[in-house]
PDB file of N, CA and C in Angstrom:
ATOM      1  N   MET A   1      16.905  -9.156   5.341  1.00  0.00           N
ATOM      2  CA  MET A   1      17.906  -8.263   4.845  1.00  0.00           C
ATOM      3  C   MET A   1      17.538  -7.919   3.402  1.00  0.00           C
ATOM      4  N   CYS A   2      17.733  -6.656   3.057  1.00  0.00           N
ATOM      5  CA  CYS A   2      17.453  -6.224   1.690  1.00  0.00           C
ATOM      6  C   CYS A   2      18.305  -5.015   1.364  1.00  0.00           C
ATOM      7  N   THR A   3      18.281  -4.610   0.114  1.00  0.00           N
ATOM      8  CA  THR A   3      18.952  -3.378  -0.288  1.00  0.00           C
ATOM      9  C   THR A   3      17.910  -2.426  -0.857  1.00  0.00           C
ATOM     10  N   VAL A   4      18.150  -1.140  -0.614  1.00  0.00           N
ATOM     11  CA  VAL A   4      17.293  -0.078  -1.121  1.00  0.00           C
ATOM     12  C   VAL A   4      18.211   1.050  -1.546  1.00  0.00           C
ATOM     13  N   HIS A   5      17.962   1.631  -2.688  1.00  0.00           N
ATOM     14  CA  HIS A   5      18.763   2.768  -3.131  1.00  0.00           C
ATOM     15  C   HIS A   5      18.163   4.047  -2.546  1.00  0.00           C
ATOM     16  N   ALA A   6      18.971   4.754  -1.729  1.00  0.00           N
ATOM     17  CA  ALA A   6      18.535   5.992  -1.097  1.00  0.00           C
ATOM     18  C   ALA A   6      19.757   6.830  -0.757  1.00  0.00           C
ATOM     19  N   ASN A   7      19.546   8.088  -0.426  1.00  0.00           N
ATOM     20  CA  ASN A   7      20.648   8.998  -0.123  1.00  0.00           C
ATOM     21  C   ASN A   7      21.045   9.015   1.341  1.00  0.00           C
ATOM     22  N   SER A   8      20.286   8.344   2.195  1.00  0.00           N
ATOM     23  CA  SER A   8      20.615   8.253   3.619  1.00  0.00           C
ATOM     24  C   SER A   8      19.839   7.083   4.219  1.00  0.00           C
ATOM     25  N   ALA A   9      20.200   6.724   5.424  1.00  0.00           N
ATOM     26  CA  ALA A   9      19.497   5.632   6.106  1.00  0.00           C
ATOM     27  C   ALA A   9      18.043   6.012   6.367  1.00  0.00           C
ATOM     28  N   ARG A  10      17.808   7.224   6.809  1.00  0.00           N
ATOM     29  CA  ARG A  10      16.437   7.652   7.081  1.00  0.00           C
ATOM     30  C   ARG A  10      15.615   7.741   5.794  1.00  0.00           C
ATOM     31  N   GLU A  11      16.250   8.174   4.719  1.00  0.00           N
ATOM     32  CA  GLU A  11      15.551   8.215   3.434  1.00  0.00           C
ATOM     33  C   GLU A  11      15.195   6.801   2.971  1.00  0.00           C
ATOM     34  N   ALA A  12      16.056   5.835   3.279  1.00  0.00           N
ATOM     35  CA  ALA A  12      15.745   4.438   2.937  1.00  0.00           C
ATOM     36  C   ALA A  12      14.494   3.979   3.672  1.00  0.00           C
ATOM     37  N   LEU A  13      14.356   4.338   4.941  1.00  0.00           N
ATOM     38  CA  LEU A  13      13.153   3.986   5.693  1.00  0.00           C
ATOM     39  C   LEU A  13      11.910   4.613   5.059  1.00  0.00           C
ATOM     40  N   THR A  14      12.024   5.861   4.672  1.00  0.00           N
ATOM     41  CA  THR A  14      10.903   6.544   4.018  1.00  0.00           C
ATOM     42  C   THR A  14      10.531   5.831   2.724  1.00  0.00           C
ATOM     43  N   LYS A  15      11.542   5.430   1.968  1.00  0.00           N
ATOM     44  CA  LYS A  15      11.291   4.748   0.704  1.00  0.00           C
ATOM     45  C   LYS A  15      10.612   3.398   0.928  1.00  0.00           C
ATOM     46  N   VAL A  16      11.077   2.653   1.927  1.00  0.00           N
ATOM     47  CA  VAL A  16      10.478   1.352   2.229  1.00  0.00           C
ATOM     48  C   VAL A  16       9.019   1.529   2.650  1.00  0.00           C
ATOM     49  N   CYS A  17       8.715   2.637   3.286  1.00  0.00           N
ATOM     50  CA  CYS A  17       7.329   2.914   3.682  1.00  0.00           C
ATOM     51  C   CYS A  17       6.482   3.400   2.500  1.00  0.00           C
ATOM     52  N   THR A  18       7.088   4.072   1.562  1.00  0.00           N
ATOM     53  CA  THR A  18       6.352   4.677   0.456  1.00  0.00           C
ATOM     54  C   THR A  18       6.059   3.699  -0.679  1.00  0.00           C
ATOM     55  N   LEU A  19       7.020   2.848  -1.003  1.00  0.00           N
ATOM     56  CA  LEU A  19       6.854   1.965  -2.160  1.00  0.00           C
ATOM     57  C   LEU A  19       5.618   1.074  -2.087  1.00  0.00           C
ATOM     58  N   PRO A  20       5.271   0.480  -0.938  1.00  0.00           N
ATOM     59  CA  PRO A  20       4.056  -0.350  -0.912  1.00  0.00           C
ATOM     60  C   PRO A  20       2.776   0.443  -1.202  1.00  0.00           C
ATOM     61  N   LEU A  21       2.820   1.746  -0.954  1.00  0.00           N
ATOM     62  CA  LEU A  21       1.637   2.569  -1.194  1.00  0.00           C
ATOM     63  C   LEU A  21       1.319   2.682  -2.683  1.00  0.00           C
ATOM     64  N   LEU A  22       2.295   2.360  -3.528  1.00  0.00           N
ATOM     65  CA  LEU A  22       2.067   2.390  -4.971  1.00  0.00           C
ATOM     66  C   LEU A  22       1.143   1.265  -5.424  1.00  0.00           C
ATOM     67  N   ALA A  23       0.883   0.314  -4.535  1.00  0.00           N
ATOM     68  CA  ALA A  23      -0.003  -0.809  -4.862  1.00  0.00           C
ATOM     69  C   ALA A  23      -1.453  -0.365  -5.017  1.00  0.00           C
ATOM     70  N   GLY A  24      -1.770   0.794  -4.493  1.00  0.00           N
ATOM     71  CA  GLY A  24      -3.129   1.304  -4.646  1.00  0.00           C
ATOM     72  C   GLY A  24      -3.810   1.528  -3.315  1.00  0.00           C
ATOM     73  N   GLU A  25      -5.086   1.808  -3.380  1.00  0.00           N
ATOM     74  CA  GLU A  25      -5.844   2.186  -2.194  1.00  0.00           C
ATOM     75  C   GLU A  25      -6.046   1.046  -1.204  1.00  0.00           C
ATOM     76  N   ASN A  26      -5.772  -0.181  -1.615  1.00  0.00           N
ATOM     77  CA  ASN A  26      -5.959  -1.306  -0.697  1.00  0.00           C
ATOM     78  C   ASN A  26      -4.859  -1.364   0.365  1.00  0.00           C
ATOM     79  N   VAL A  27      -3.801  -0.573   0.206  1.00  0.00           N
ATOM     80  CA  VAL A  27      -2.717  -0.503   1.175  1.00  0.00           C
ATOM     81  C   VAL A  27      -2.604   0.945   1.636  1.00  0.00           C
ATOM     82  N   SER A  28      -2.594   1.144   2.961  1.00  0.00           N
ATOM     83  CA  SER A  28      -2.550   2.518   3.472  1.00  0.00           C
ATOM     84  C   SER A  28      -1.303   2.753   4.313  1.00  0.00           C
ATOM     85  N   ALA A  29      -0.924   4.011   4.441  1.00  0.00           N
ATOM     86  CA  ALA A  29       0.211   4.386   5.279  1.00  0.00           C
ATOM     87  C   ALA A  29      -0.049   4.002   6.730  1.00  0.00           C
ATOM     88  N   ALA A  30      -1.305   4.024   7.152  1.00  0.00           N
ATOM     89  CA  ALA A  30      -1.642   3.645   8.530  1.00  0.00           C
ATOM     90  C   ALA A  30      -1.251   2.202   8.821  1.00  0.00           C
ATOM     91  N   PHE A  31      -1.209   1.363   7.797  1.00  0.00           N
ATOM     92  CA  PHE A  31      -0.769  -0.021   7.957  1.00  0.00           C
ATOM     93  C   PHE A  31       0.725  -0.162   7.696  1.00  0.00           C
ATOM     94  N   VAL A  32       1.222   0.445   6.622  1.00  0.00           N
ATOM     95  CA  VAL A  32       2.598   0.235   6.177  1.00  0.00           C
ATOM     96  C   VAL A  32       3.621   0.808   7.155  1.00  0.00           C
ATOM     97  N   VAL A  33       3.454   2.040   7.588  1.00  0.00           N
ATOM     98  CA  VAL A  33       4.478   2.706   8.403  1.00  0.00           C
ATOM     99  C   VAL A  33       4.731   1.968   9.723  1.00  0.00           C
ATOM    100  N   PRO A  34       3.719   1.636  10.517  1.00  0.00           N
ATOM    101  CA  PRO A  34       4.008   0.898  11.744  1.00  0.00           C
ATOM    102  C   PRO A  34       4.544  -0.513  11.480  1.00  0.00           C
ATOM    103  N   THR A  35       4.142  -1.102  10.358  1.00  0.00           N
ATOM    104  CA  THR A  35       4.650  -2.428  10.010  1.00  0.00           C
ATOM    105  C   THR A  35       6.140  -2.364   9.724  1.00  0.00           C
ATOM    106  N   VAL A  36       6.568  -1.365   8.973  1.00  0.00           N
ATOM    107  CA  VAL A  36       7.999  -1.183   8.698  1.00  0.00           C
ATOM    108  C   VAL A  36       8.737  -0.891   9.999  1.00  0.00           C
ATOM    109  N   ALA A  37       8.182  -0.026  10.831  1.00  0.00           N
ATOM    110  CA  ALA A  37       8.834   0.322  12.097  1.00  0.00           C
ATOM    111  C   ALA A  37       9.072  -0.903  12.975  1.00  0.00           C
ATOM    112  N   SER A  38       8.145  -1.841  12.955  1.00  0.00           N
ATOM    113  CA  SER A  38       8.287  -3.020  13.803  1.00  0.00           C
ATOM    114  C   SER A  38       9.108  -4.127  13.150  1.00  0.00           C
ATOM    115  N   ALA A  39       9.296  -4.055  11.839  1.00  0.00           N
ATOM    116  CA  ALA A  39       9.995  -5.127  11.123  1.00  0.00           C
ATOM    117  C   ALA A  39      11.477  -4.855  10.901  1.00  0.00           C
ATOM    118  N   VAL A  40      11.898  -3.603  10.960  1.00  0.00           N
ATOM    119  CA  VAL A  40      13.288  -3.231  10.685  1.00  0.00           C
ATOM    120  C   VAL A  40      13.978  -2.905  12.002  1.00  0.00           C
ATOM    121  N   ASP A  41      15.162  -3.480  12.212  1.00  0.00           N
ATOM    122  CA  ASP A  41      15.940  -3.195  13.429  1.00  0.00           C
ATOM    123  C   ASP A  41      17.026  -2.159  13.182  1.00  0.00           C
ATOM    124  N   ILE A  42      17.791  -2.341  12.118  1.00  0.00           N
ATOM    125  CA  ILE A  42      18.855  -1.389  11.796  1.00  0.00           C
ATOM    126  C   ILE A  42      18.887  -1.145  10.291  1.00  0.00           C
ATOM    127  N   VAL A  43      19.432   0.021   9.921  1.00  0.00           N
ATOM    128  CA  VAL A  43      19.649   0.368   8.521  1.00  0.00           C
ATOM    129  C   VAL A  43      21.104   0.799   8.391  1.00  0.00           C
ATOM    130  N   VAL A  44      21.809   0.173   7.467  1.00  0.00           N
ATOM    131  CA  VAL A  44      23.207   0.508   7.180  1.00  0.00           C
ATOM    132  C   VAL A  44      23.227   1.226   5.843  1.00  0.00           C
ATOM    133  N   HIS A  45      23.720   2.462   5.857  1.00  0.00           N
ATOM    134  CA  HIS A  45      23.782   3.249   4.622  1.00  0.00           C
ATOM    135  C   HIS A  45      25.208   3.252   4.095  1.00  0.00           C
ATOM    136  N   LEU A  46      25.366   2.801   2.841  1.00  0.00           N
ATOM    137  CA  LEU A  46      26.671   2.790   2.182  1.00  0.00           C
ATOM    138  C   LEU A  46      26.740   3.935   1.184  1.00  0.00           C
ATOM    139  N   ASP A  47      27.949   4.423   0.991  1.00  0.00           N
ATOM    140  CA  ASP A  47      28.205   5.477   0.027  1.00  0.00           C
ATOM    141  C   ASP A  47      29.426   5.055  -0.786  1.00  0.00           C
ATOM    142  N   VAL A  48      29.651   5.692  -1.903  1.00  0.00           N
ATOM    143  CA  VAL A  48      30.828   5.415  -2.717  1.00  0.00           C
ATOM    144  C   VAL A  48      31.808   6.560  -2.514  1.00  0.00           C
ATOM    145  N   ASP A  49      33.055   6.221  -2.126  1.00  0.00           N
ATOM    146  CA  ASP A  49      34.046   7.265  -1.885  1.00  0.00           C
ATOM    147  C   ASP A  49      34.666   7.734  -3.204  1.00  0.00           C
ATOM    148  N   ALA A  50      35.588   8.675  -3.119  1.00  0.00           N
ATOM    149  CA  ALA A  50      36.215   9.270  -4.305  1.00  0.00           C
ATOM    150  C   ALA A  50      36.963   8.237  -5.149  1.00  0.00           C
ATOM    151  N   ARG A  51      37.381   7.136  -4.542  1.00  0.00           N
ATOM    152  CA  ARG A  51      38.109   6.089  -5.275  1.00  0.00           C
ATOM    153  C   ARG A  51      37.175   4.999  -5.811  1.00  0.00           C
ATOM    154  N   GLY A  52      35.861   5.202  -5.628  1.00  0.00           N
ATOM    155  CA  GLY A  52      34.890   4.248  -6.149  1.00  0.00           C
ATOM    156  C   GLY A  52      34.620   3.064  -5.241  1.00  0.00           C
ATOM    157  N   ARG A  53      35.098   3.119  -3.993  1.00  0.00           N
ATOM    158  CA  ARG A  53      34.874   2.027  -3.041  1.00  0.00           C
ATOM    159  C   ARG A  53      33.646   2.323  -2.193  1.00  0.00           C
ATOM    160  N   ARG A  54      32.914   1.274  -1.890  1.00  0.00           N
ATOM    161  CA  ARG A  54      31.756   1.427  -1.009  1.00  0.00           C
ATOM    162  C   ARG A  54      32.239   1.501   0.434  1.00  0.00           C
ATOM    163  N   ARG A  55      31.697   2.463   1.164  1.00  0.00           N
ATOM    164  CA  ARG A  55      32.042   2.665   2.572  1.00  0.00           C
ATOM    165  C   ARG A  55      30.761   2.861   3.376  1.00  0.00           C
ATOM    166  N   THR A  56      30.782   2.401   4.618  1.00  0.00           N
ATOM    167  CA  THR A  56      29.628   2.623   5.492  1.00  0.00           C
ATOM    168  C   THR A  56      29.594   4.094   5.869  1.00  0.00           C
ATOM    169  N   ARG A  57      28.489   4.731   5.584  1.00  0.00           N
ATOM    170  CA  ARG A  57      28.338   6.161   5.875  1.00  0.00           C
ATOM    171  C   ARG A  57      27.641   6.386   7.220  1.00  0.00           C
ATOM    172  N   GLU A  58      26.648   5.518   7.513  1.00  0.00           N
ATOM    173  CA  GLU A  58      25.936   5.644   8.783  1.00  0.00           C
ATOM    174  C   GLU A  58      25.186   4.356   9.074  1.00  0.00           C
ATOM    175  N   ILE A  59      24.911   4.151  10.351  1.00  0.00           N
ATOM    176  CA  ILE A  59      24.075   3.039  10.800  1.00  0.00           C
ATOM    177  C   ILE A  59      23.068   3.620  11.776  1.00  0.00           C
ATOM    178  N   VAL A  60      21.796   3.376  11.505  1.00  0.00           N
ATOM    179  CA  VAL A  60      20.757   3.864  12.414  1.00  0.00           C
ATOM    180  C   VAL A  60      19.971   2.681  12.964  1.00  0.00           C
ATOM    181  N   ALA A  61      19.510   2.825  14.185  1.00  0.00           N
ATOM    182  CA  ALA A  61      18.657   1.835  14.836  1.00  0.00           C
ATOM    183  C   ALA A  61      17.209   2.271  14.688  1.00  0.00           C
ATOM    184  N   VAL A  62      16.330   1.300  14.570  1.00  0.00           N
ATOM    185  CA  VAL A  62      14.898   1.566  14.425  1.00  0.00           C
ATOM    186  C   VAL A  62      14.197   0.930  15.621  1.00  0.00           C
ATOM    187  N   PRO A  63      13.846   1.743  16.621  1.00  0.00           N
ATOM    188  CA  PRO A  63      13.274   1.183  17.856  1.00  0.00           C
ATOM    189  C   PRO A  63      11.841   0.682  17.742  1.00  0.00           C
ATOM    190  N   GLY A  64      11.197   0.897  16.592  1.00  0.00           N
ATOM    191  CA  GLY A  64       9.850   0.366  16.406  1.00  0.00           C
ATOM    192  C   GLY A  64       8.739   1.369  16.657  1.00  0.00           C
ATOM    193  N   ARG A  65       9.090   2.614  16.833  1.00  0.00           N
ATOM    194  CA  ARG A  65       8.084   3.645  17.098  1.00  0.00           C
ATOM    195  C   ARG A  65       7.861   4.522  15.859  1.00  0.00           C
ATOM    196  N   VAL A  66       6.667   5.088  15.791  1.00  0.00           N
ATOM    197  CA  VAL A  66       6.288   6.007  14.720  1.00  0.00           C
ATOM    198  C   VAL A  66       5.835   7.300  15.373  1.00  0.00           C
ATOM    199  N   GLU A  67       6.330   8.419  14.865  1.00  0.00           N
ATOM    200  CA  GLU A  67       5.928   9.729  15.372  1.00  0.00           C
ATOM    201  C   GLU A  67       5.470  10.579  14.194  1.00  0.00           C
ATOM    202  N   ASN A  68       4.222  11.032  14.243  1.00  0.00           N
ATOM    203  CA  ASN A  68       3.641  11.853  13.167  1.00  0.00           C
ATOM    204  C   ASN A  68       3.810  11.205  11.794  1.00  0.00           C
ATOM    205  N   GLY A  69       3.613   9.898  11.729  1.00  0.00           N
ATOM    206  CA  GLY A  69       3.674   9.175  10.466  1.00  0.00           C
ATOM    207  C   GLY A  69       5.065   8.875   9.955  1.00  0.00           C
ATOM    208  N   VAL A  70       6.080   9.118  10.778  1.00  0.00           N
ATOM    209  CA  VAL A  70       7.470   8.886  10.379  1.00  0.00           C
ATOM    210  C   VAL A  70       8.080   7.843  11.304  1.00  0.00           C
ATOM    211  N   VAL A  71       8.779   6.875  10.725  1.00  0.00           N
ATOM    212  CA  VAL A  71       9.459   5.854  11.516  1.00  0.00           C
ATOM    213  C   VAL A  71      10.620   6.514  12.260  1.00  0.00           C
ATOM    214  N   GLU A  72      10.651   6.355  13.574  1.00  0.00           N
ATOM    215  CA  GLU A  72      11.748   6.914  14.364  1.00  0.00           C
ATOM    216  C   GLU A  72      13.026   6.135  14.113  1.00  0.00           C
ATOM    217  N   ALA A  73      14.143   6.843  14.130  1.00  0.00           N
ATOM    218  CA  ALA A  73      15.457   6.218  13.974  1.00  0.00           C
ATOM    219  C   ALA A  73      16.454   7.002  14.814  1.00  0.00           C
ATOM    220  N   THR A  74      17.459   6.307  15.321  1.00  0.00           N
ATOM    221  CA  THR A  74      18.493   6.949  16.117  1.00  0.00           C
ATOM    222  C   THR A  74      19.857   6.504  15.615  1.00  0.00           C
ATOM    223  N   ASP A  75      20.804   7.421  15.587  1.00  0.00           N
ATOM    224  CA  ASP A  75      22.142   7.109  15.076  1.00  0.00           C
ATOM    225  C   ASP A  75      22.886   6.159  16.007  1.00  0.00           C
ATOM    226  N   VAL A  76      23.408   5.079  15.431  1.00  0.00           N
ATOM    227  CA  VAL A  76      24.292   4.168  16.152  1.00  0.00           C
ATOM    228  C   VAL A  76      25.734   4.500  15.776  1.00  0.00           C
ATOM    229  N   PHE A  77      25.976   4.695  14.488  1.00  0.00           N
ATOM    230  CA  PHE A  77      27.261   5.169  13.968  1.00  0.00           C
ATOM    231  C   PHE A  77      26.968   6.239  12.942  1.00  0.00           C
ATOM    232  N   SER A  78      27.773   7.295  12.927  1.00  0.00           N
ATOM    233  CA  SER A  78      27.598   8.345  11.930  1.00  0.00           C
ATOM    234  C   SER A  78      28.965   8.854  11.496  1.00  0.00           C
ATOM    235  N   GLN A  79      28.982   9.517  10.371  1.00  0.00           N
ATOM    236  CA  GLN A  79      30.204  10.048   9.787  1.00  0.00           C
ATOM    237  C   GLN A  79      30.529  11.384  10.455  1.00  0.00           C
ATOM    238  N   ARG A  80      31.705  11.461  11.077  1.00  0.00           N
ATOM    239  CA  ARG A  80      32.183  12.721  11.679  1.00  0.00           C
ATOM    240  C   ARG A  80      33.672  12.833  11.410  1.00  0.00           C
ATOM    241  N   ASP A  81      34.081  14.003  10.993  1.00  0.00           N
ATOM    242  CA  ASP A  81      35.498  14.266  10.717  1.00  0.00           C
ATOM    243  C   ASP A  81      36.084  13.230   9.756  1.00  0.00           C
ATOM    244  N   GLY A  82      35.284  12.821   8.767  1.00  0.00           N
ATOM    245  CA  GLY A  82      35.754  11.898   7.759  1.00  0.00           C
ATOM    246  C   GLY A  82      35.867  10.446   8.189  1.00  0.00           C
ATOM    247  N   ALA A  83      35.341  10.127   9.370  1.00  0.00           N
ATOM    248  CA  ALA A  83      35.419   8.739   9.850  1.00  0.00           C
ATOM    249  C   ALA A  83      34.079   8.322  10.446  1.00  0.00           C
ATOM    250  N   LEU A  84      33.823   7.032  10.426  1.00  0.00           N
ATOM    251  CA  LEU A  84      32.614   6.493  11.032  1.00  0.00           C
ATOM    252  C   LEU A  84      32.833   6.410  12.535  1.00  0.00           C
ATOM    253  N   ARG A  85      31.987   7.083  13.296  1.00  0.00           N
ATOM    254  CA  ARG A  85      32.166   7.155  14.750  1.00  0.00           C
ATOM    255  C   ARG A  85      30.904   6.692  15.463  1.00  0.00           C
ATOM    256  N   ARG A  86      31.097   6.114  16.635  1.00  0.00           N
ATOM    257  CA  ARG A  86      29.987   5.643  17.466  1.00  0.00           C
ATOM    258  C   ARG A  86      29.156   6.836  17.906  1.00  0.00           C
ATOM    259  N   ALA A  87      27.852   6.728  17.737  1.00  0.00           N
ATOM    260  CA  ALA A  87      26.907   7.739  18.217  1.00  0.00           C
ATOM    261  C   ALA A  87      26.189   7.153  19.430  1.00  0.00           C
ATOM    262  N   GLY A  88      25.194   7.835  19.941  1.00  0.00           N
ATOM    263  CA  GLY A  88      24.554   7.402  21.173  1.00  0.00           C
ATOM    264  C   GLY A  88      23.487   6.338  21.055  1.00  0.00           C
ATOM    265  N   GLY A  89      23.038   6.041  19.834  1.00  0.00           N
ATOM    266  CA  GLY A  89      21.940   5.105  19.657  1.00  0.00           C
ATOM    267  C   GLY A  89      22.321   3.667  19.955  1.00  0.00           C
ATOM    268  N   PHE A  90      21.290   2.863  20.157  1.00  0.00           N
ATOM    269  CA  PHE A  90      21.481   1.454  20.503  1.00  0.00           C
ATOM    270  C   PHE A  90      20.426   0.641  19.767  1.00  0.00           C
ATOM    271  N   PRO A  91      20.823  -0.417  19.050  1.00  0.00           N
ATOM    272  CA  PRO A  91      19.821  -1.223  18.345  1.00  0.00           C
ATOM    273  C   PRO A  91      18.790  -1.812  19.305  1.00  0.00           C
ATOM    274  N   PRO A  92      17.556  -1.959  18.843  1.00  0.00           N
ATOM    275  CA  PRO A  92      16.521  -2.554  19.688  1.00  0.00           C
ATOM    276  C   PRO A  92      16.704  -4.058  19.791  1.00  0.00           C
ATOM    277  N   HIS A  93      15.952  -4.657  20.674  1.00  0.00           N
ATOM    278  CA  HIS A  93      15.877  -6.112  20.798  1.00  0.00           C
ATOM    279  C   HIS A  93      17.211  -6.759  21.142  1.00  0.00           C
ATOM    280  N   ALA A  94      17.876  -6.256  22.160  1.00  0.00           N
ATOM    281  CA  ALA A  94      19.150  -6.840  22.591  1.00  0.00           C
ATOM    282  C   ALA A  94      18.987  -8.325  22.920  1.00  0.00           C
ATOM    283  N   ASP A  95      17.796  -8.725  23.314  1.00  0.00           N
ATOM    284  CA  ASP A  95      17.550 -10.134  23.631  1.00  0.00           C
ATOM    285  C   ASP A  95      17.732 -11.034  22.420  1.00  0.00           C
ATOM    286  N   ARG A  96      17.419 -10.530  21.237  1.00  0.00           N
ATOM    287  CA  ARG A  96      17.622 -11.327  20.020  1.00  0.00           C
ATOM    288  C   ARG A  96      19.106 -11.582  19.774  1.00  0.00           C
ATOM    289  N   TYR A  97      19.916 -10.564  20.017  1.00  0.00           N
ATOM    290  CA  TYR A  97      21.361 -10.724  19.871  1.00  0.00           C
ATOM    291  C   TYR A  97      21.887 -11.693  20.925  1.00  0.00           C
ATOM    292  N   ALA A  98      21.380 -11.562  22.142  1.00  0.00           N
ATOM    293  CA  ALA A  98      21.816 -12.433  23.240  1.00  0.00           C
ATOM    294  C   ALA A  98      21.512 -13.897  22.927  1.00  0.00           C
ATOM    295  N   ARG A  99      20.336 -14.155  22.359  1.00  0.00           N
ATOM    296  CA  ARG A  99      19.997 -15.538  21.994  1.00  0.00           C
ATOM    297  C   ARG A  99      20.957 -16.107  20.956  1.00  0.00           C
ATOM    298  N   ALA A 100      21.551 -15.226  20.163  1.00  0.00           N
ATOM    299  CA  ALA A 100      22.520 -15.657  19.155  1.00  0.00           C
ATOM    300  C   ALA A 100      23.943 -15.674  19.723  1.00  0.00           C
ATOM    301  N   GLY A 101      24.068 -15.393  21.034  1.00  0.00           N
ATOM    302  CA  GLY A 101      25.377 -15.420  21.675  1.00  0.00           C
ATOM    303  C   GLY A 101      26.180 -14.146  21.504  1.00  0.00           C
ATOM    304  N   ILE A 102      25.510 -13.057  21.138  1.00  0.00           N
ATOM    305  CA  ILE A 102      26.198 -11.778  20.927  1.00  0.00           C
ATOM    306  C   ILE A 102      25.855 -10.826  22.057  1.00  0.00           C
ATOM    307  N   ASP A 103      26.885 -10.322  22.746  1.00  0.00           N
ATOM    308  CA  ASP A 103      26.694  -9.299  23.773  1.00  0.00           C
ATOM    309  C   ASP A 103      26.736  -7.950  23.060  1.00  0.00           C
ATOM    310  N   LEU A 104      25.566  -7.415  22.765  1.00  0.00           N
ATOM    311  CA  LEU A 104      25.456  -6.204  21.971  1.00  0.00           C
ATOM    312  C   LEU A 104      26.170  -5.012  22.617  1.00  0.00           C
ATOM    313  N   ALA A 105      26.026  -4.860  23.923  1.00  0.00           N
ATOM    314  CA  ALA A 105      26.681  -3.745  24.622  1.00  0.00           C
ATOM    315  C   ALA A 105      28.192  -3.848  24.475  1.00  0.00           C
ATOM    316  N   GLU A 106      28.717  -5.035  24.647  1.00  0.00           N
ATOM    317  CA  GLU A 106      30.166  -5.244  24.512  1.00  0.00           C
ATOM    318  C   GLU A 106      30.614  -4.999  23.070  1.00  0.00           C
ATOM    319  N   LEU A 107      29.862  -5.486  22.121  1.00  0.00           N
ATOM    320  CA  LEU A 107      30.197  -5.306  20.705  1.00  0.00           C
ATOM    321  C   LEU A 107      30.285  -3.834  20.359  1.00  0.00           C
ATOM    322  N   LEU A 108      29.327  -3.045  20.833  1.00  0.00           N
ATOM    323  CA  LEU A 108      29.325  -1.617  20.541  1.00  0.00           C
ATOM    324  C   LEU A 108      30.417  -0.876  21.305  1.00  0.00           C
ATOM    325  N   ARG A 109      30.762  -1.338  22.495  1.00  0.00           N
ATOM    326  CA  ARG A 109      31.879  -0.742  23.254  1.00  0.00           C
ATOM    327  C   ARG A 109      33.196  -0.943  22.500  1.00  0.00           C
ATOM    328  N   GLU A 110      33.378  -2.133  21.943  1.00  0.00           N
ATOM    329  CA  GLU A 110      34.605  -2.439  21.214  1.00  0.00           C
ATOM    330  C   GLU A 110      34.724  -1.622  19.932  1.00  0.00           C
ATOM    331  N   ALA A 111      33.587  -1.186  19.400  1.00  0.00           N
ATOM    332  CA  ALA A 111      33.602  -0.451  18.138  1.00  0.00           C
ATOM    333  C   ALA A 111      34.020   1.004  18.324  1.00  0.00           C
ATOM    334  N   VAL A 112      34.134   1.454  19.538  1.00  0.00           N
ATOM    335  CA  VAL A 112      34.462   2.859  19.790  1.00  0.00           C
ATOM    336  C   VAL A 112      35.925   3.116  19.494  1.00  0.00           C
TER     337      VAL A 112
END
């Protein structure tokens, strides 16, 4: 778990992929991007509302795939009509949640 300052969940993924490249030529995007794609499961993006409170703006799942050098992401929850609403995406690795005793499908059904 970590924090990254970005304007969206997808922008956070881009930033996590870009920052290691500042290390120099010994690190390449061909290594970093797929590594990030396989290491990150979900990204939760927080925003500050008009009253100065942090609110969840979106949650995206990262299935571990890269397309044209970009880490794929799918919306699990997104902001619609001023509220956080369930989208169609599903976090990867449901087996990891199951090993921890969490029924991911049920958890997401309850969140609707």
